[in-house]
């Protein structure tokens, strides 16, 4: 199976693009503070999945999937800060937060599925 065929990877890429598009419309101060952190953490979800996928040993791979999950939680925190500071609309926040929750479940299931193979 190819990385690009994994639903968990596809969704992580989709979310990071959506977040990029949201942040791209912010003013300079918002982009320079929360925006950069939000984009970096969202991008880190898929990049850690990629790096884990490319590892030879499942223990190495699993560690990167854990990092991916950590980046997901970081993204949730930055997104919540953006909502609290009124940089993102509540309906946009809800859509992104829901997608992140689904992605979190997919990451957890993916970690379980690789086992000790």
C-alpha atoms as a PDB file:
ATOM      1  CA  UNK A   1       0.000   0.000   0.000  1.00  0.00           C
ATOM      2  CA  UNK A   2       1.145   3.534  -0.785  1.00  0.00           C
ATOM      3  CA  UNK A   3       1.121   6.343   1.759  1.00  0.00           C
ATOM      4  CA  UNK A   4      -1.164   8.413  -0.450  1.00  0.00           C
ATOM      5  CA  UNK A   5      -3.778   5.637  -0.335  1.00  0.00           C
ATOM      6  CA  UNK A   6      -4.175   5.790   3.451  1.00  0.00           C
ATOM      7  CA  UNK A   7      -7.335   7.593   4.560  1.00  0.00           C
ATOM      8  CA  UNK A   8      -5.546   8.888   7.670  1.00  0.00           C
ATOM      9  CA  UNK A   9      -2.914  10.532   5.458  1.00  0.00           C
ATOM     10  CA  UNK A  10      -5.469  11.918   2.999  1.00  0.00           C
ATOM     11  CA  UNK A  11      -7.509  13.520   5.769  1.00  0.00           C
ATOM     12  CA  UNK A  12      -4.416  14.979   7.441  1.00  0.00           C
ATOM     13  CA  UNK A  13      -3.389  16.578   4.146  1.00  0.00           C
ATOM     14  CA  UNK A  14      -6.908  17.932   3.588  1.00  0.00           C
ATOM     15  CA  UNK A  15      -7.071  19.479   7.063  1.00  0.00           C
ATOM     16  CA  UNK A  16      -3.682  21.152   6.726  1.00  0.00           C
ATOM     17  CA  UNK A  17      -4.741  22.700   3.396  1.00  0.00           C
ATOM     18  CA  UNK A  18      -7.978  23.982   4.911  1.00  0.00           C
ATOM     19  CA  UNK A  19      -6.087  25.514   7.828  1.00  0.00           C
ATOM     20  CA  UNK A  20      -3.575  27.089   5.442  1.00  0.00           C
ATOM     21  CA  UNK A  21      -6.436  28.698   3.502  1.00  0.00           C
ATOM     22  CA  UNK A  22      -8.030  30.046   6.680  1.00  0.00           C
ATOM     23  CA  UNK A  23      -4.775  31.529   8.001  1.00  0.00           C
ATOM     24  CA  UNK A  24      -3.828  32.986   4.599  1.00  0.00           C
ATOM     25  CA  UNK A  25      -6.690  35.476   4.971  1.00  0.00           C
ATOM     26  CA  UNK A  26      -5.613  36.767   8.383  1.00  0.00           C
ATOM     27  CA  UNK A  27      -3.905  40.099   9.040  1.00  0.00           C
ATOM     28  CA  UNK A  28      -0.148  40.192   9.614  1.00  0.00           C
ATOM     29  CA  UNK A  29      -0.192  40.108  13.421  1.00  0.00           C
ATOM     30  CA  UNK A  30      -2.572  37.139  13.558  1.00  0.00           C
ATOM     31  CA  UNK A  31      -0.523  35.252  10.941  1.00  0.00           C
ATOM     32  CA  UNK A  32       2.756  36.007  12.648  1.00  0.00           C
ATOM     33  CA  UNK A  33       1.622  34.849  16.082  1.00  0.00           C
ATOM     34  CA  UNK A  34      -1.016  32.130  16.115  1.00  0.00           C
ATOM     35  CA  UNK A  35      -1.188  31.574  12.368  1.00  0.00           C
ATOM     36  CA  UNK A  36       2.353  30.287  11.911  1.00  0.00           C
ATOM     37  CA  UNK A  37       2.021  27.946  14.875  1.00  0.00           C
ATOM     38  CA  UNK A  38      -1.343  26.643  13.706  1.00  0.00           C
ATOM     39  CA  UNK A  39      -0.086  25.945  10.179  1.00  0.00           C
ATOM     40  CA  UNK A  40       3.114  24.298  11.448  1.00  0.00           C
ATOM     41  CA  UNK A  41       1.298  21.996  13.842  1.00  0.00           C
ATOM     42  CA  UNK A  42      -1.299  21.043  11.213  1.00  0.00           C
ATOM     43  CA  UNK A  43       1.432  20.351   8.645  1.00  0.00           C
ATOM     44  CA  UNK A  44       3.299  18.290  11.231  1.00  0.00           C
ATOM     45  CA  UNK A  45       0.424  15.803  11.463  1.00  0.00           C
ATOM     46  CA  UNK A  46       0.874  14.595   7.886  1.00  0.00           C
ATOM     47  CA  UNK A  47       4.651  14.953   7.833  1.00  0.00           C
ATOM     48  CA  UNK A  48       5.053  12.724  10.877  1.00  0.00           C
ATOM     49  CA  UNK A  49       2.707  10.183   9.319  1.00  0.00           C
ATOM     50  CA  UNK A  50       4.922  10.282   6.234  1.00  0.00           C
ATOM     51  CA  UNK A  51       8.121   9.863   8.169  1.00  0.00           C
ATOM     52  CA  UNK A  52       6.694   6.989  10.176  1.00  0.00           C
ATOM     53  CA  UNK A  53       5.483   5.299   7.008  1.00  0.00           C
ATOM     54  CA  UNK A  54       9.000   5.414   5.637  1.00  0.00           C
ATOM     55  CA  UNK A  55      10.598   3.779   8.673  1.00  0.00           C
ATOM     56  CA  UNK A  56      11.775   0.201   8.430  1.00  0.00           C
ATOM     57  CA  UNK A  57      10.915  -0.999  11.917  1.00  0.00           C
ATOM     58  CA  UNK A  58       7.405  -0.768  13.335  1.00  0.00           C
ATOM     59  CA  UNK A  59       8.639   0.694  16.648  1.00  0.00           C
ATOM     60  CA  UNK A  60      10.253   3.597  14.795  1.00  0.00           C
ATOM     61  CA  UNK A  61       7.126   4.050  12.718  1.00  0.00           C
ATOM     62  CA  UNK A  62       4.870   3.952  15.758  1.00  0.00           C
ATOM     63  CA  UNK A  63       6.893   6.708  17.465  1.00  0.00           C
ATOM     64  CA  UNK A  64       6.302   9.022  14.523  1.00  0.00           C
ATOM     65  CA  UNK A  65       2.601   8.191  14.578  1.00  0.00           C
ATOM     66  CA  UNK A  66       2.585   9.207  18.243  1.00  0.00           C
ATOM     67  CA  UNK A  67       4.281  12.480  17.251  1.00  0.00           C
ATOM     68  CA  UNK A  68       1.575  12.937  14.645  1.00  0.00           C
ATOM     69  CA  UNK A  69      -1.082  12.500  17.321  1.00  0.00           C
ATOM     70  CA  UNK A  70       0.727  15.029  19.499  1.00  0.00           C
ATOM     71  CA  UNK A  71       0.735  17.514  16.637  1.00  0.00           C
ATOM     72  CA  UNK A  72      -2.987  16.937  16.232  1.00  0.00           C
ATOM     73  CA  UNK A  73      -3.590  17.959  19.841  1.00  0.00           C
ATOM     74  CA  UNK A  74      -1.328  20.969  19.405  1.00  0.00           C
ATOM     75  CA  UNK A  75      -3.367  21.954  16.352  1.00  0.00           C
ATOM     76  CA  UNK A  76      -6.574  21.694  18.376  1.00  0.00           C
ATOM     77  CA  UNK A  77      -5.103  24.028  20.990  1.00  0.00           C
ATOM     78  CA  UNK A  78      -3.979  26.639  18.450  1.00  0.00           C
ATOM     79  CA  UNK A  79      -7.338  26.442  16.728  1.00  0.00           C
ATOM     80  CA  UNK A  80      -9.120  27.013  20.046  1.00  0.00           C
ATOM     81  CA  UNK A  81      -6.872  30.023  20.727  1.00  0.00           C
ATOM     82  CA  UNK A  82      -7.761  31.372  17.285  1.00  0.00           C
ATOM     83  CA  UNK A  83     -11.456  31.002  18.117  1.00  0.00           C
ATOM     84  CA  UNK A  84     -11.073  32.626  21.529  1.00  0.00           C
ATOM     85  CA  UNK A  85      -9.265  35.583  19.970  1.00  0.00           C
ATOM     86  CA  UNK A  86     -11.866  35.848  17.217  1.00  0.00           C
ATOM     87  CA  UNK A  87      -9.484  35.053  14.348  1.00  0.00           C
ATOM     88  CA  UNK A  88     -11.719  32.214  13.165  1.00  0.00           C
ATOM     89  CA  UNK A  89     -15.499  32.105  12.952  1.00  0.00           C
ATOM     90  CA  UNK A  90     -17.342  29.640  15.230  1.00  0.00           C
ATOM     91  CA  UNK A  91     -18.783  27.654  12.310  1.00  0.00           C
ATOM     92  CA  UNK A  92     -15.330  27.293  10.703  1.00  0.00           C
ATOM     93  CA  UNK A  93     -13.914  26.273  14.067  1.00  0.00           C
ATOM     94  CA  UNK A  94     -16.601  23.599  14.456  1.00  0.00           C
ATOM     95  CA  UNK A  95     -15.925  22.151  11.005  1.00  0.00           C
ATOM     96  CA  UNK A  96     -12.182  22.001  11.564  1.00  0.00           C
ATOM     97  CA  UNK A  97     -12.498  20.683  15.121  1.00  0.00           C
ATOM     98  CA  UNK A  98     -14.830  17.926  13.943  1.00  0.00           C
ATOM     99  CA  UNK A  99     -12.386  16.929  11.200  1.00  0.00           C
ATOM    100  CA  UNK A 100      -9.549  16.889  13.733  1.00  0.00           C
ATOM    101  CA  UNK A 101     -11.590  14.625  16.030  1.00  0.00           C
ATOM    102  CA  UNK A 102     -12.191  12.202  13.171  1.00  0.00           C
ATOM    103  CA  UNK A 103      -8.516  12.328  12.259  1.00  0.00           C
ATOM    104  CA  UNK A 104      -7.559  11.595  15.864  1.00  0.00           C
ATOM    105  CA  UNK A 105      -9.636   8.432  15.815  1.00  0.00           C
ATOM    106  CA  UNK A 106      -8.065   7.406  12.503  1.00  0.00           C
ATOM    107  CA  UNK A 107      -4.556   7.947  13.866  1.00  0.00           C
ATOM    108  CA  UNK A 108      -5.347   5.882  16.966  1.00  0.00           C
ATOM    109  CA  UNK A 109      -6.786   3.087  14.828  1.00  0.00           C
ATOM    110  CA  UNK A 110      -3.798   3.208  12.520  1.00  0.00           C
ATOM    111  CA  UNK A 111      -1.388   2.927  15.456  1.00  0.00           C
ATOM    112  CA  UNK A 112      -3.317  -0.095  16.738  1.00  0.00           C
ATOM    113  CA  UNK A 113      -3.378  -1.684  13.303  1.00  0.00           C
ATOM    114  CA  UNK A 114       0.374  -1.711  12.758  1.00  0.00           C
ATOM    115  CA  UNK A 115       0.915  -3.781  15.923  1.00  0.00           C
ATOM    116  CA  UNK A 116       4.248  -5.559  15.929  1.00  0.00           C
ATOM    117  CA  UNK A 117       4.353  -6.361  12.226  1.00  0.00           C
END
